[in-house]
C-alpha atoms as a PDB file:
ATOM      1  CA  UNK A   1     129.249  74.531   9.903  1.00  0.00           C
ATOM      2  CA  UNK A   2     131.518  77.565  10.733  1.00  0.00           C
ATOM      3  CA  UNK A   3     128.674  79.397  12.239  1.00  0.00           C
ATOM      4  CA  UNK A   4     128.470  76.697  14.778  1.00  0.00           C
ATOM      5  CA  UNK A   5     131.828  76.328  15.541  1.00  0.00           C
ATOM      6  CA  UNK A   6     132.107  80.257  16.384  1.00  0.00           C
ATOM      7  CA  UNK A   7     129.081  79.349  18.990  1.00  0.00           C
ATOM      8  CA  UNK A   8     130.665  76.467  20.346  1.00  0.00           C
ATOM      9  CA  UNK A   9     134.540  78.126  21.296  1.00  0.00           C
ATOM     10  CA  UNK A  10     131.784  81.319  22.831  1.00  0.00           C
ATOM     11  CA  UNK A  11     130.528  78.502  25.000  1.00  0.00           C
ATOM     12  CA  UNK A  12     133.723  77.568  25.857  1.00  0.00           C
ATOM     13  CA  UNK A  13     134.974  80.914  26.811  1.00  0.00           C
ATOM     14  CA  UNK A  14     131.421  81.723  28.938  1.00  0.00           C
ATOM     15  CA  UNK A  15     132.192  78.561  30.404  1.00  0.00           C
ATOM     16  CA  UNK A  16     136.101  78.988  31.393  1.00  0.00           C
ATOM     17  CA  UNK A  17     135.104  82.742  32.593  1.00  0.00           C
ATOM     18  CA  UNK A  18     132.377  81.524  34.656  1.00  0.00           C
ATOM     19  CA  UNK A  19     134.190  78.418  36.100  1.00  0.00           C
ATOM     20  CA  UNK A  20     138.066  81.111  36.945  1.00  0.00           C
ATOM     21  CA  UNK A  21     135.886  83.593  38.666  1.00  0.00           C
ATOM     22  CA  UNK A  22     136.176  85.793  35.858  1.00  0.00           C
ATOM     23  CA  UNK A  23     134.149  89.071  36.091  1.00  0.00           C
ATOM     24  CA  UNK A  24     133.735  92.593  34.975  1.00  0.00           C
ATOM     25  CA  UNK A  25     132.829  93.089  38.674  1.00  0.00           C
ATOM     26  CA  UNK A  26     134.407  90.865  40.530  1.00  0.00           C
ATOM     27  CA  UNK A  27     132.409  90.110  43.787  1.00  0.00           C
ATOM     28  CA  UNK A  28     135.668  90.053  46.887  1.00  0.00           C
ATOM     29  CA  UNK A  29     135.848  86.573  48.536  1.00  0.00           C
ATOM     30  CA  UNK A  30     135.706  88.867  51.884  1.00  0.00           C
ATOM     31  CA  UNK A  31     133.283  91.523  52.714  1.00  0.00           C
ATOM     32  CA  UNK A  32     135.305  94.457  53.527  1.00  0.00           C
ATOM     33  CA  UNK A  33     134.985  96.080  56.962  1.00  0.00           C
ATOM     34  CA  UNK A  34     132.732  99.325  57.024  1.00  0.00           C
ATOM     35  CA  UNK A  35     135.344 102.020  57.886  1.00  0.00           C
ATOM     36  CA  UNK A  36     133.231 105.212  56.898  1.00  0.00           C
ATOM     37  CA  UNK A  37     130.103 104.533  59.856  1.00  0.00           C
ATOM     38  CA  UNK A  38     130.765 104.862  63.813  1.00  0.00           C
ATOM     39  CA  UNK A  39     128.523 103.733  66.749  1.00  0.00           C
ATOM     40  CA  UNK A  40     125.401 105.336  67.476  1.00  0.00           C
ATOM     41  CA  UNK A  41     125.231 106.901  70.645  1.00  0.00           C
ATOM     42  CA  UNK A  42     122.454 108.865  72.846  1.00  0.00           C
ATOM     43  CA  UNK A  43     122.586 112.138  71.881  1.00  0.00           C
ATOM     44  CA  UNK A  44     122.708 115.049  75.605  1.00  0.00           C
ATOM     45  CA  UNK A  45     119.205 115.980  74.697  1.00  0.00           C
ATOM     46  CA  UNK A  46     118.006 112.525  74.587  1.00  0.00           C
ATOM     47  CA  UNK A  47     119.733 111.526  77.489  1.00  0.00           C
ATOM     48  CA  UNK A  48     117.624 114.595  79.146  1.00  0.00           C
ATOM     49  CA  UNK A  49     114.774 113.586  78.054  1.00  0.00           C
ATOM     50  CA  UNK A  50     115.631 109.934  79.689  1.00  0.00           C
ATOM     51  CA  UNK A  51     115.070 112.055  82.869  1.00  0.00           C
ATOM     52  CA  UNK A  52     111.815 113.205  82.682  1.00  0.00           C
ATOM     53  CA  UNK A  53     109.224 111.463  84.710  1.00  0.00           C
ATOM     54  CA  UNK A  54     105.979 110.162  84.705  1.00  0.00           C
ATOM     55  CA  UNK A  55     103.415 110.719  87.295  1.00  0.00           C
ATOM     56  CA  UNK A  56      99.260 110.209  87.300  1.00  0.00           C
ATOM     57  CA  UNK A  57      96.726 112.536  88.672  1.00  0.00           C
ATOM     58  CA  UNK A  58      95.175 111.919  91.928  1.00  0.00           C
ATOM     59  CA  UNK A  59      92.679 114.196  91.941  1.00  0.00           C
ATOM     60  CA  UNK A  60      89.563 112.373  92.619  1.00  0.00           C
ATOM     61  CA  UNK A  61      86.814 112.575  89.433  1.00  0.00           C
ATOM     62  CA  UNK A  62      84.284 113.988  92.564  1.00  0.00           C
ATOM     63  CA  UNK A  63      85.544 117.173  93.414  1.00  0.00           C
ATOM     64  CA  UNK A  64      84.205 120.111  92.062  1.00  0.00           C
ATOM     65  CA  UNK A  65      86.162 123.231  90.998  1.00  0.00           C
ATOM     66  CA  UNK A  66      89.562 122.528  90.734  1.00  0.00           C
ATOM     67  CA  UNK A  67      92.382 123.801  88.888  1.00  0.00           C
ATOM     68  CA  UNK A  68      95.670 122.745  87.080  1.00  0.00           C
ATOM     69  CA  UNK A  69      98.028 121.018  89.888  1.00  0.00           C
ATOM     70  CA  UNK A  70     101.030 122.873  89.071  1.00  0.00           C
ATOM     71  CA  UNK A  71     103.884 124.808  91.011  1.00  0.00           C
ATOM     72  CA  UNK A  72     103.617 128.878  90.168  1.00  0.00           C
ATOM     73  CA  UNK A  73     107.192 129.810  89.671  1.00  0.00           C
ATOM     74  CA  UNK A  74     106.894 132.759  87.193  1.00  0.00           C
ATOM     75  CA  UNK A  75     110.974 133.585  88.474  1.00  0.00           C
ATOM     76  CA  UNK A  76     112.240 130.115  88.201  1.00  0.00           C
ATOM     77  CA  UNK A  77     113.715 130.610  91.707  1.00  0.00           C
ATOM     78  CA  UNK A  78     113.642 126.651  92.016  1.00  0.00           C
ATOM     79  CA  UNK A  79     115.945 125.977  89.458  1.00  0.00           C
ATOM     80  CA  UNK A  80     119.262 125.363  91.473  1.00  0.00           C
ATOM     81  CA  UNK A  81     117.356 122.768  93.394  1.00  0.00           C
ATOM     82  CA  UNK A  82     116.095 121.244  90.180  1.00  0.00           C
ATOM     83  CA  UNK A  83     119.375 121.298  88.390  1.00  0.00           C
ATOM     84  CA  UNK A  84     120.860 119.175  91.342  1.00  0.00           C
ATOM     85  CA  UNK A  85     118.311 116.649  91.268  1.00  0.00           C
ATOM     86  CA  UNK A  86     119.114 116.549  87.345  1.00  0.00           C
ATOM     87  CA  UNK A  87     122.765 116.036  88.211  1.00  0.00           C
ATOM     88  CA  UNK A  88     122.197 113.950  91.735  1.00  0.00           C
ATOM     89  CA  UNK A  89     126.193 114.138  92.259  1.00  0.00           C
ATOM     90  CA  UNK A  90     125.098 114.248  96.530  1.00  0.00           C
ATOM     91  CA  UNK A  91     122.873 113.849  98.548  1.00  0.00           C
ATOM     92  CA  UNK A  92     120.012 116.369  97.391  1.00  0.00           C
ATOM     93  CA  UNK A  93     118.531 117.635 101.322  1.00  0.00           C
ATOM     94  CA  UNK A  94     114.432 118.631 101.195  1.00  0.00           C
ATOM     95  CA  UNK A  95     113.498 120.188 105.256  1.00  0.00           C
ATOM     96  CA  UNK A  96     109.547 120.258 105.476  1.00  0.00           C
ATOM     97  CA  UNK A  97     108.390 122.166 108.073  1.00  0.00           C
ATOM     98  CA  UNK A  98     105.070 122.897 108.896  1.00  0.00           C
ATOM     99  CA  UNK A  99     101.961 122.512 111.266  1.00  0.00           C
ATOM    100  CA  UNK A 100      99.892 119.094 112.236  1.00  0.00           C
ATOM    101  CA  UNK A 101      99.173 118.905 108.744  1.00  0.00           C
ATOM    102  CA  UNK A 102     103.252 117.600 108.585  1.00  0.00           C
ATOM    103  CA  UNK A 103     103.317 116.521 112.337  1.00  0.00           C
ATOM    104  CA  UNK A 104     101.045 113.949 111.331  1.00  0.00           C
ATOM    105  CA  UNK A 105     103.898 112.723 108.938  1.00  0.00           C
ATOM    106  CA  UNK A 106     101.842 111.353 106.441  1.00  0.00           C
ATOM    107  CA  UNK A 107     101.387 113.567 103.967  1.00  0.00           C
ATOM    108  CA  UNK A 108     105.105 114.891 104.084  1.00  0.00           C
ATOM    109  CA  UNK A 109     105.997 110.936 104.642  1.00  0.00           C
ATOM    110  CA  UNK A 110     104.157 110.128 100.719  1.00  0.00           C
ATOM    111  CA  UNK A 111     105.798 113.000  99.120  1.00  0.00           C
ATOM    112  CA  UNK A 112     109.434 111.395 100.681  1.00  0.00           C
ATOM    113  CA  UNK A 113     108.704 107.827  99.531  1.00  0.00           C
ATOM    114  CA  UNK A 114     107.498 108.802  96.137  1.00  0.00           C
ATOM    115  CA  UNK A 115     110.476 111.400  95.594  1.00  0.00           C
ATOM    116  CA  UNK A 116     112.671 108.721  97.121  1.00  0.00           C
ATOM    117  CA  UNK A 117     111.453 105.826  94.358  1.00  0.00           C
ATOM    118  CA  UNK A 118     112.035 108.788  91.674  1.00  0.00           C
ATOM    119  CA  UNK A 119     115.421 109.664  92.490  1.00  0.00           C
ATOM    120  CA  UNK A 120     116.966 107.134  94.932  1.00  0.00           C
ATOM    121  CA  UNK A 121     116.242 105.725  98.436  1.00  0.00           C
ATOM    122  CA  UNK A 122     120.147 104.661  99.016  1.00  0.00           C
ATOM    123  CA  UNK A 123     120.167 107.953 100.947  1.00  0.00           C
ATOM    124  CA  UNK A 124     118.526 107.422 103.629  1.00  0.00           C
ATOM    125  CA  UNK A 125     118.190 104.383 106.143  1.00  0.00           C
ATOM    126  CA  UNK A 126     114.808 102.699 105.199  1.00  0.00           C
ATOM    127  CA  UNK A 127     113.223 103.328 108.745  1.00  0.00           C
ATOM    128  CA  UNK A 128     109.734 103.892 108.387  1.00  0.00           C
ATOM    129  CA  UNK A 129     108.041 107.316 109.626  1.00  0.00           C
ATOM    130  CA  UNK A 130     105.376 107.401 111.855  1.00  0.00           C
ATOM    131  CA  UNK A 131     103.634 109.484 114.651  1.00  0.00           C
ATOM    132  CA  UNK A 132     106.118 107.987 117.294  1.00  0.00           C
ATOM    133  CA  UNK A 133     109.270 108.328 115.283  1.00  0.00           C
ATOM    134  CA  UNK A 134     111.395 111.174 114.554  1.00  0.00           C
ATOM    135  CA  UNK A 135     110.794 112.879 111.285  1.00  0.00           C
ATOM    136  CA  UNK A 136     114.428 113.544 110.517  1.00  0.00           C
ATOM    137  CA  UNK A 137     115.670 111.499 108.200  1.00  0.00           C
ATOM    138  CA  UNK A 138     119.155 109.072 108.902  1.00  0.00           C
ATOM    139  CA  UNK A 139     121.554 109.685 105.947  1.00  0.00           C
ATOM    140  CA  UNK A 140     124.029 107.126 104.575  1.00  0.00           C
ATOM    141  CA  UNK A 141     126.266 109.046 102.857  1.00  0.00           C
ATOM    142  CA  UNK A 142     124.954 107.363  99.269  1.00  0.00           C
ATOM    143  CA  UNK A 143     123.625 110.073  96.418  1.00  0.00           C
ATOM    144  CA  UNK A 144     120.006 110.313  96.283  1.00  0.00           C
ATOM    145  CA  UNK A 145     116.992 112.392  98.251  1.00  0.00           C
ATOM    146  CA  UNK A 146     117.307 112.820 101.726  1.00  0.00           C
ATOM    147  CA  UNK A 147     113.828 114.433 102.836  1.00  0.00           C
ATOM    148  CA  UNK A 148     113.386 115.531 106.372  1.00  0.00           C
ATOM    149  CA  UNK A 149     110.099 116.240 108.290  1.00  0.00           C
ATOM    150  CA  UNK A 150     109.659 118.825 110.941  1.00  0.00           C
ATOM    151  CA  UNK A 151     106.076 119.514 112.217  1.00  0.00           C
ATOM    152  CA  UNK A 152     104.559 121.168 115.319  1.00  0.00           C
ATOM    153  CA  UNK A 153     101.372 121.024 116.335  1.00  0.00           C
ATOM    154  CA  UNK A 154      99.501 124.162 116.632  1.00  0.00           C
ATOM    155  CA  UNK A 155     102.534 126.302 114.436  1.00  0.00           C
ATOM    156  CA  UNK A 156     102.588 129.244 112.417  1.00  0.00           C
ATOM    157  CA  UNK A 157     105.272 131.049 111.346  1.00  0.00           C
ATOM    158  CA  UNK A 158     105.188 133.569 113.462  1.00  0.00           C
ATOM    159  CA  UNK A 159     105.461 130.808 116.551  1.00  0.00           C
ATOM    160  CA  UNK A 160     108.376 128.698 114.673  1.00  0.00           C
ATOM    161  CA  UNK A 161     110.709 131.048 114.319  1.00  0.00           C
ATOM    162  CA  UNK A 162     112.441 130.182 117.719  1.00  0.00           C
ATOM    163  CA  UNK A 163     116.565 130.119 117.759  1.00  0.00           C
ATOM    164  CA  UNK A 164     115.702 126.412 118.408  1.00  0.00           C
ATOM    165  CA  UNK A 165     113.624 124.988 115.643  1.00  0.00           C
ATOM    166  CA  UNK A 166     116.145 127.138 113.375  1.00  0.00           C
ATOM    167  CA  UNK A 167     119.261 125.487 114.097  1.00  0.00           C
ATOM    168  CA  UNK A 168     116.783 122.305 113.773  1.00  0.00           C
ATOM    169  CA  UNK A 169     116.124 123.306 110.188  1.00  0.00           C
ATOM    170  CA  UNK A 170     119.913 125.173 109.272  1.00  0.00           C
ATOM    171  CA  UNK A 171     121.828 122.167 111.055  1.00  0.00           C
ATOM    172  CA  UNK A 172     119.915 120.312 108.293  1.00  0.00           C
ATOM    173  CA  UNK A 173     122.360 122.273 105.580  1.00  0.00           C
ATOM    174  CA  UNK A 174     118.702 122.081 103.321  1.00  0.00           C
ATOM    175  CA  UNK A 175     118.476 122.578  98.941  1.00  0.00           C
ATOM    176  CA  UNK A 176     115.004 122.579  99.837  1.00  0.00           C
ATOM    177  CA  UNK A 177     112.922 124.447 102.864  1.00  0.00           C
ATOM    178  CA  UNK A 178     108.759 123.718 102.144  1.00  0.00           C
ATOM    179  CA  UNK A 179     106.743 126.270 104.263  1.00  0.00           C
ATOM    180  CA  UNK A 180     103.245 124.416 104.997  1.00  0.00           C
ATOM    181  CA  UNK A 181     101.611 126.866 106.928  1.00  0.00           C
ATOM    182  CA  UNK A 182      98.773 128.994 107.347  1.00  0.00           C
ATOM    183  CA  UNK A 183      95.599 126.794 108.931  1.00  0.00           C
ATOM    184  CA  UNK A 184      96.435 127.858 112.302  1.00  0.00           C
ATOM    185  CA  UNK A 185      96.597 131.378 111.363  1.00  0.00           C
ATOM    186  CA  UNK A 186      93.585 131.415 109.830  1.00  0.00           C
ATOM    187  CA  UNK A 187      92.277 130.382 113.575  1.00  0.00           C
ATOM    188  CA  UNK A 188      93.030 133.607 114.486  1.00  0.00           C
ATOM    189  CA  UNK A 189      89.960 135.525 114.873  1.00  0.00           C
ATOM    190  CA  UNK A 190      92.376 138.572 115.183  1.00  0.00           C
ATOM    191  CA  UNK A 191      94.202 137.359 112.173  1.00  0.00           C
ATOM    192  CA  UNK A 192      96.417 140.689 110.421  1.00  0.00           C
ATOM    193  CA  UNK A 193      97.535 140.052 107.438  1.00  0.00           C
ATOM    194  CA  UNK A 194     100.197 142.810 107.713  1.00  0.00           C
ATOM    195  CA  UNK A 195     101.615 140.889 110.977  1.00  0.00           C
ATOM    196  CA  UNK A 196     101.223 137.628 109.020  1.00  0.00           C
ATOM    197  CA  UNK A 197     103.870 139.102 106.096  1.00  0.00           C
ATOM    198  CA  UNK A 198     106.204 140.461 108.473  1.00  0.00           C
ATOM    199  CA  UNK A 199     106.356 136.546 110.510  1.00  0.00           C
ATOM    200  CA  UNK A 200     106.945 134.661 106.703  1.00  0.00           C
ATOM    201  CA  UNK A 201     109.398 137.348 106.078  1.00  0.00           C
ATOM    202  CA  UNK A 202     111.461 137.064 109.048  1.00  0.00           C
ATOM    203  CA  UNK A 203     111.110 133.370 109.317  1.00  0.00           C
ATOM    204  CA  UNK A 204     112.676 132.826 105.818  1.00  0.00           C
ATOM    205  CA  UNK A 205     115.172 135.334 105.781  1.00  0.00           C
ATOM    206  CA  UNK A 206     116.259 133.625 109.302  1.00  0.00           C
ATOM    207  CA  UNK A 207     116.660 130.275 107.602  1.00  0.00           C
ATOM    208  CA  UNK A 208     118.596 132.098 104.498  1.00  0.00           C
ATOM    209  CA  UNK A 209     120.700 133.797 106.501  1.00  0.00           C
ATOM    210  CA  UNK A 210     122.604 130.334 108.190  1.00  0.00           C
ATOM    211  CA  UNK A 211     121.774 128.709 104.102  1.00  0.00           C
ATOM    212  CA  UNK A 212     122.378 131.070 101.801  1.00  0.00           C
ATOM    213  CA  UNK A 213     121.794 128.908  98.947  1.00  0.00           C
ATOM    214  CA  UNK A 214     118.385 127.176  99.895  1.00  0.00           C
ATOM    215  CA  UNK A 215     115.682 127.281  97.824  1.00  0.00           C
ATOM    216  CA  UNK A 216     111.793 127.920  99.172  1.00  0.00           C
ATOM    217  CA  UNK A 217     108.725 126.703  98.638  1.00  0.00           C
ATOM    218  CA  UNK A 218     105.719 127.916  99.743  1.00  0.00           C
ATOM    219  CA  UNK A 219     102.230 125.903 100.086  1.00  0.00           C
ATOM    220  CA  UNK A 220      98.443 126.936 101.478  1.00  0.00           C
ATOM    221  CA  UNK A 221      96.205 124.989 103.912  1.00  0.00           C
ATOM    222  CA  UNK A 222      93.912 122.635 102.379  1.00  0.00           C
ATOM    223  CA  UNK A 223      90.772 124.146 104.222  1.00  0.00           C
ATOM    224  CA  UNK A 224      89.171 124.001 107.912  1.00  0.00           C
ATOM    225  CA  UNK A 225      85.622 124.421 109.182  1.00  0.00           C
ATOM    226  CA  UNK A 226      85.855 126.770 112.668  1.00  0.00           C
ATOM    227  CA  UNK A 227      83.161 126.980 115.383  1.00  0.00           C
ATOM    228  CA  UNK A 228      80.228 129.671 114.695  1.00  0.00           C
ATOM    229  CA  UNK A 229      77.918 129.539 117.861  1.00  0.00           C
ATOM    230  CA  UNK A 230      74.881 127.893 117.496  1.00  0.00           C
ATOM    231  CA  UNK A 231      75.773 127.367 113.694  1.00  0.00           C
ATOM    232  CA  UNK A 232      78.517 125.276 114.396  1.00  0.00           C
ATOM    233  CA  UNK A 233      81.029 124.678 112.278  1.00  0.00           C
ATOM    234  CA  UNK A 234      81.318 126.634 109.004  1.00  0.00           C
ATOM    235  CA  UNK A 235      83.966 127.082 106.446  1.00  0.00           C
ATOM    236  CA  UNK A 236      86.406 129.383 108.042  1.00  0.00           C
ATOM    237  CA  UNK A 237      85.971 132.438 106.018  1.00  0.00           C
ATOM    238  CA  UNK A 238      89.996 133.891 106.756  1.00  0.00           C
ATOM    239  CA  UNK A 239      91.442 130.499 105.003  1.00  0.00           C
ATOM    240  CA  UNK A 240      90.640 133.157 101.443  1.00  0.00           C
ATOM    241  CA  UNK A 241      92.637 136.088 102.997  1.00  0.00           C
ATOM    242  CA  UNK A 242      95.332 133.894 104.765  1.00  0.00           C
ATOM    243  CA  UNK A 243      96.001 132.333 101.207  1.00  0.00           C
ATOM    244  CA  UNK A 244      96.234 136.019  99.522  1.00  0.00           C
ATOM    245  CA  UNK A 245      98.158 136.908 102.022  1.00  0.00           C
ATOM    246  CA  UNK A 246     100.562 133.938 101.052  1.00  0.00           C
ATOM    247  CA  UNK A 247     100.295 133.908  97.289  1.00  0.00           C
ATOM    248  CA  UNK A 248     101.251 138.482  97.793  1.00  0.00           C
ATOM    249  CA  UNK A 249     104.011 137.432  99.396  1.00  0.00           C
ATOM    250  CA  UNK A 250     105.267 134.560  97.373  1.00  0.00           C
ATOM    251  CA  UNK A 251     105.349 136.752  94.155  1.00  0.00           C
ATOM    252  CA  UNK A 252     106.726 139.774  96.241  1.00  0.00           C
ATOM    253  CA  UNK A 253     109.755 137.987  97.353  1.00  0.00           C
ATOM    254  CA  UNK A 254     110.116 136.110  94.065  1.00  0.00           C
ATOM    255  CA  UNK A 255     109.189 132.221  95.738  1.00  0.00           C
ATOM    256  CA  UNK A 256     107.710 128.874  94.676  1.00  0.00           C
ATOM    257  CA  UNK A 257     104.313 128.369  95.969  1.00  0.00           C
ATOM    258  CA  UNK A 258     102.130 125.739  95.663  1.00  0.00           C
ATOM    259  CA  UNK A 259      98.340 126.775  95.903  1.00  0.00           C
ATOM    260  CA  UNK A 260      97.039 123.162  97.502  1.00  0.00           C
ATOM    261  CA  UNK A 261      94.217 125.278  98.382  1.00  0.00           C
ATOM    262  CA  UNK A 262      93.038 126.701  94.688  1.00  0.00           C
ATOM    263  CA  UNK A 263      94.209 123.276  93.608  1.00  0.00           C
ATOM    264  CA  UNK A 264      91.564 121.493  95.282  1.00  0.00           C
ATOM    265  CA  UNK A 265      88.374 124.229  94.828  1.00  0.00           C
ATOM    266  CA  UNK A 266      89.677 127.332  96.840  1.00  0.00           C
ATOM    267  CA  UNK A 267      86.868 129.230  99.005  1.00  0.00           C
ATOM    268  CA  UNK A 268      83.968 127.761  97.201  1.00  0.00           C
ATOM    269  CA  UNK A 269      84.502 123.874  96.715  1.00  0.00           C
ATOM    270  CA  UNK A 270      87.932 122.785  98.648  1.00  0.00           C
ATOM    271  CA  UNK A 271      86.076 122.095 101.705  1.00  0.00           C
ATOM    272  CA  UNK A 272      83.073 121.249 100.531  1.00  0.00           C
ATOM    273  CA  UNK A 273      85.396 117.971  98.344  1.00  0.00           C
ATOM    274  CA  UNK A 274      86.898 116.989 101.500  1.00  0.00           C
ATOM    275  CA  UNK A 275      83.716 116.826 102.859  1.00  0.00           C
ATOM    276  CA  UNK A 276      82.036 114.948  99.881  1.00  0.00           C
ATOM    277  CA  UNK A 277      84.466 112.578  99.880  1.00  0.00           C
ATOM    278  CA  UNK A 278      84.690 112.310 103.582  1.00  0.00           C
ATOM    279  CA  UNK A 279      88.614 113.000 104.008  1.00  0.00           C
ATOM    280  CA  UNK A 280      88.447 115.042 107.336  1.00  0.00           C
ATOM    281  CA  UNK A 281      88.522 114.266 110.688  1.00  0.00           C
ATOM    282  CA  UNK A 282      85.196 114.773 112.905  1.00  0.00           C
ATOM    283  CA  UNK A 283      86.864 118.362 114.077  1.00  0.00           C
ATOM    284  CA  UNK A 284      87.189 119.228 110.482  1.00  0.00           C
ATOM    285  CA  UNK A 285      90.510 120.869 110.607  1.00  0.00           C
ATOM    286  CA  UNK A 286      92.004 117.562 110.156  1.00  0.00           C
ATOM    287  CA  UNK A 287      91.998 114.725 107.654  1.00  0.00           C
ATOM    288  CA  UNK A 288      91.884 111.108 107.636  1.00  0.00           C
ATOM    289  CA  UNK A 289      94.828 109.077 106.655  1.00  0.00           C
ATOM    290  CA  UNK A 290      93.390 109.279 103.129  1.00  0.00           C
ATOM    291  CA  UNK A 291      92.438 112.586 103.550  1.00  0.00           C
ATOM    292  CA  UNK A 292      96.861 112.885 103.659  1.00  0.00           C
ATOM    293  CA  UNK A 293      97.828 110.521 101.412  1.00  0.00           C
ATOM    294  CA  UNK A 294      95.989 112.725  98.470  1.00  0.00           C
ATOM    295  CA  UNK A 295      97.383 116.013  99.926  1.00  0.00           C
ATOM    296  CA  UNK A 296     100.746 114.000  99.605  1.00  0.00           C
ATOM    297  CA  UNK A 297     100.303 112.791  96.241  1.00  0.00           C
ATOM    298  CA  UNK A 298      99.004 115.717  94.834  1.00  0.00           C
ATOM    299  CA  UNK A 299     102.012 117.925  96.124  1.00  0.00           C
ATOM    300  CA  UNK A 300     104.759 114.533  94.515  1.00  0.00           C
ATOM    301  CA  UNK A 301     102.257 115.647  91.131  1.00  0.00           C
ATOM    302  CA  UNK A 302     103.456 119.082  91.148  1.00  0.00           C
ATOM    303  CA  UNK A 303     106.369 118.410  92.139  1.00  0.00           C
ATOM    304  CA  UNK A 304     107.023 115.926  89.182  1.00  0.00           C
ATOM    305  CA  UNK A 305     105.818 118.325  86.413  1.00  0.00           C
ATOM    306  CA  UNK A 306     107.497 121.139  87.854  1.00  0.00           C
ATOM    307  CA  UNK A 307     110.719 119.075  87.010  1.00  0.00           C
ATOM    308  CA  UNK A 308     109.964 117.510  84.017  1.00  0.00           C
ATOM    309  CA  UNK A 309     109.266 121.380  83.225  1.00  0.00           C
ATOM    310  CA  UNK A 310     112.506 122.246  83.730  1.00  0.00           C
ATOM    311  CA  UNK A 311     114.717 119.226  82.462  1.00  0.00           C
ATOM    312  CA  UNK A 312     112.488 119.959  79.074  1.00  0.00           C
ATOM    313  CA  UNK A 313     113.544 123.883  78.785  1.00  0.00           C
ATOM    314  CA  UNK A 314     116.969 122.261  78.824  1.00  0.00           C
ATOM    315  CA  UNK A 315     116.256 121.077  75.868  1.00  0.00           C
ATOM    316  CA  UNK A 316     115.116 124.293  73.672  1.00  0.00           C
END
């Protein structure tokens, strides 16, 4: 009887503890604020990674003997330009000068349009670039990419370095000057590598004397045919000499170069690739609109790959 009485007492105590909220480790009526955790912010490294841009290769599958589409810049001469693009604290100016391939506006306009899409198009007024319009962009003063185009039919480095042309370039205060010459040099039957080197040096020195902080990117020609008597048109044998001169000059002067000639197949395949894809015009010197669009897409790809490489190197 006593045992049942104790059991009843124990049961009553348990009920009282539950009803009164008593326990060894009572739960708080309200959860305490977490004073140990802080908001998670994106780190500096992650923010830089977010600046990496995606770009797809436009190289046709039918092209033979192609090389990696990249800018060769072993001394990182373009680093100041990439840094300005990363920060985008003010308009970043590019001036693309060259011969009729540039004068046609399609090739550089493709590069311009895609770079504006990548880094902002608010720096210029949305005026379409055609053969009839000026290639000089109208700046708004806003942050973004400003891409000016100055092309002269039949131009070489030597004929381009006039006082008038130099004032036109330097007055635009470029951060980067892209020089696209070589086709007309290669058409000179008395082409001399020594003279070509002197002309390139003179042109670059003239620009740098007025714009000491400017960077340069040389591009090699895409390849072309020349007339050869009864044989008709043949692949211009002097193009490879011109390209060799440009590559050697770039190396000796620590300049960046985009070697389009070898990217699209070099002496063995470049002209054959353009021809097989029906991208030459009838003179087999100039290109169809589709041909120039492809060249612009290739240069844009090379620029973005080099930009991404620069951003990636900053994380190491």
